[in-house]
Amino acid sequence: MKTIAIRTSGRTDFVDITAQVAAAARELDVTGGIVTVFVPHTTAGVTINENADPDATADMELVLDRVVPWTGGYAHCEGNTAAHAKASMMGSSCQVIVEDGRLALGTWQAIYFCEFDGPRSRKVWVSGVSG
């Protein structure tokens, strides 16, 4: 398993970690198989989405804020219920096929670490299985 260290810069932040995941797959010697990307945090997640237009992640943030506003009469005493809900919506893991030593992502796809309770220092774990 490899660990990727991430420092987020805002309450909500989408950080493209594709290059770091690809490097972890190489270090794990996964030339064909699957890598799993896992976020061990309850107020952050991971997703695969478009990387060509920065407005795509800005729009994702807008949609998530509309669906789960920061204020809403929540009971959780820490005041970050929205972050927990958004992290659950994104999910805590994703898998990517590795073929010939490269991540098999679509032309416009990237792997994003999704921060919802930042800024913070975070980590992502990458594990691989050859097959």
Protein backbone atom coordinates (compact mmCIF):
# COMPACT_ATOMS: atom_id res chain seq x y z
CA MET A 1 0.00 0.00 0.00
CA LYS A 2 1.16 3.53 -0.75
CA THR A 3 0.08 6.72 0.99
CA ILE A 4 -0.46 10.01 -0.82
CA ALA A 5 -0.26 13.15 1.33
CA ILE A 6 -2.60 15.99 0.38
CA ARG A 7 -2.94 19.53 1.71
CA THR A 8 -6.26 21.11 0.81
CA SER A 9 -6.73 24.84 0.51
CA GLY A 10 -10.39 25.52 1.23
CA ARG A 11 -13.52 24.27 2.94
CA THR A 12 -14.37 22.52 -0.32
CA ASP A 13 -11.54 21.52 -2.64
CA PHE A 14 -11.26 19.11 -5.55
CA VAL A 15 -7.64 18.01 -5.92
CA ASP A 16 -6.58 16.09 -9.04
CA ILE A 17 -4.55 13.15 -7.71
CA THR A 18 -4.34 11.17 -10.96
CA ALA A 19 -0.56 11.57 -11.35
CA GLN A 20 0.06 10.54 -7.74
CA VAL A 21 -2.17 7.46 -8.12
CA ALA A 22 -0.36 6.51 -11.34
CA ALA A 23 2.98 6.87 -9.55
CA ALA A 24 1.72 4.71 -6.68
CA ALA A 25 0.60 2.03 -9.16
CA ARG A 26 4.11 2.02 -10.68
CA GLU A 27 5.72 1.81 -7.23
CA LEU A 28 3.40 -1.08 -6.37
CA ASP A 29 4.46 -2.75 -9.65
CA VAL A 30 0.89 -3.05 -10.92
CA THR A 31 1.33 -3.34 -14.68
CA GLY A 32 -1.99 -5.03 -15.28
CA GLY A 33 -4.83 -5.30 -12.78
CA ILE A 34 -6.65 -2.87 -10.51
CA VAL A 35 -5.71 -0.13 -8.10
CA THR A 36 -8.03 0.86 -5.29
CA VAL A 37 -7.96 4.46 -4.08
CA PHE A 38 -9.27 4.81 -0.52
CA VAL A 39 -9.87 7.94 1.57
CA PRO A 40 -9.69 7.24 5.34
CA HIS A 41 -11.65 10.35 6.35
CA THR A 42 -15.36 10.91 7.09
CA THR A 43 -15.54 14.43 5.65
CA ALA A 44 -13.65 13.79 2.40
CA GLY A 45 -14.16 11.48 -0.55
CA VAL A 46 -12.90 10.49 -3.95
CA THR A 47 -14.47 10.57 -7.41
CA ILE A 48 -13.61 10.24 -11.08
CA ASN A 49 -14.75 13.13 -13.22
CA GLU A 50 -13.80 15.51 -16.02
CA ASN A 51 -10.38 17.15 -15.92
CA ALA A 52 -10.48 19.31 -19.05
CA ASP A 53 -12.59 22.20 -17.78
CA PRO A 54 -12.14 23.56 -14.24
CA ASP A 55 -15.78 24.64 -14.33
CA ALA A 56 -16.72 20.95 -14.01
CA THR A 57 -15.47 20.76 -10.42
CA ALA A 58 -16.84 24.23 -9.67
CA ASP A 59 -20.24 23.03 -10.88
CA MET A 60 -19.95 19.85 -8.77
CA GLU A 61 -19.37 22.05 -5.72
CA LEU A 62 -22.39 24.20 -6.64
CA VAL A 63 -24.66 21.17 -7.06
CA LEU A 64 -23.50 19.59 -3.80
CA ASP A 65 -24.09 22.88 -1.95
CA ARG A 66 -27.61 23.05 -3.36
CA VAL A 67 -28.40 19.48 -2.37
CA VAL A 68 -26.69 19.66 1.04
CA PRO A 69 -26.47 23.28 2.27
CA TRP A 70 -24.06 24.14 5.07
CA THR A 71 -26.88 25.32 7.31
CA GLY A 72 -30.03 23.31 7.72
CA GLY A 73 -30.85 22.69 11.36
CA TYR A 74 -28.54 19.68 11.62
CA ALA A 75 -28.10 17.95 14.99
CA HIS A 76 -24.41 16.98 14.69
CA CYS A 77 -22.61 19.09 17.27
CA GLU A 78 -19.40 19.70 15.30
CA GLY A 79 -21.16 21.82 12.69
CA ASN A 80 -19.90 19.83 9.72
CA THR A 81 -22.89 17.64 8.89
CA ALA A 82 -22.84 18.88 5.30
CA ALA A 83 -19.26 17.69 4.94
CA HIS A 84 -20.17 14.21 6.19
CA ALA A 85 -23.15 13.99 3.81
CA LYS A 86 -21.15 15.19 0.80
CA ALA A 87 -18.33 12.76 1.56
CA SER A 88 -20.85 9.92 1.70
CA MET A 89 -22.29 11.02 -1.63
CA MET A 90 -18.86 10.97 -3.29
CA GLY A 91 -17.79 7.74 -1.63
CA SER A 92 -14.63 6.76 0.19
CA SER A 93 -13.07 4.69 -2.60
CA CYS A 94 -12.81 4.06 -6.30
CA GLN A 95 -11.10 1.46 -8.44
CA VAL A 96 -9.21 1.99 -11.68
CA ILE A 97 -8.08 -0.65 -14.14
CA VAL A 98 -4.36 -0.67 -14.91
CA GLU A 99 -3.35 -1.87 -18.36
CA ASP A 100 0.24 -2.02 -19.60
CA GLY A 101 1.34 -0.05 -16.54
CA ARG A 102 -1.06 2.86 -17.18
CA LEU A 103 -4.31 3.88 -15.53
CA ALA A 104 -7.15 3.02 -17.92
CA LEU A 105 -9.03 6.29 -17.65
CA GLY A 106 -11.08 7.94 -20.37
CA THR A 107 -9.70 10.89 -22.32
CA TRP A 108 -11.23 13.51 -20.03
CA GLN A 109 -11.20 11.58 -16.76
CA ALA A 110 -9.18 12.33 -13.64
CA ILE A 111 -9.23 11.04 -10.07
CA TYR A 112 -10.20 13.76 -7.61
CA PHE A 113 -9.72 13.91 -3.86
CA CYS A 114 -12.83 15.74 -2.60
CA GLU A 115 -12.38 17.89 0.51
CA PHE A 116 -15.51 19.04 2.34
CA ASP A 117 -14.17 20.15 5.74
CA GLY A 118 -10.90 21.92 5.01
CA PRO A 119 -8.43 23.23 4.72
CA ARG A 120 -6.64 20.20 6.15
CA SER A 121 -3.76 17.81 5.77
CA ARG A 122 -5.18 14.56 4.42
CA LYS A 123 -4.06 11.22 3.12
CA VAL A 124 -5.17 8.77 0.49
CA TRP A 125 -4.25 5.11 0.44
CA VAL A 126 -3.57 3.28 -2.82
CA SER A 127 -3.45 -0.50 -3.06
CA GLY A 128 -2.96 -2.61 -6.15
CA VAL A 129 -3.69 -6.10 -7.38
CA SER A 130 -2.06 -7.52 -10.50
CA GLY A 131 -4.01 -9.94 -12.55
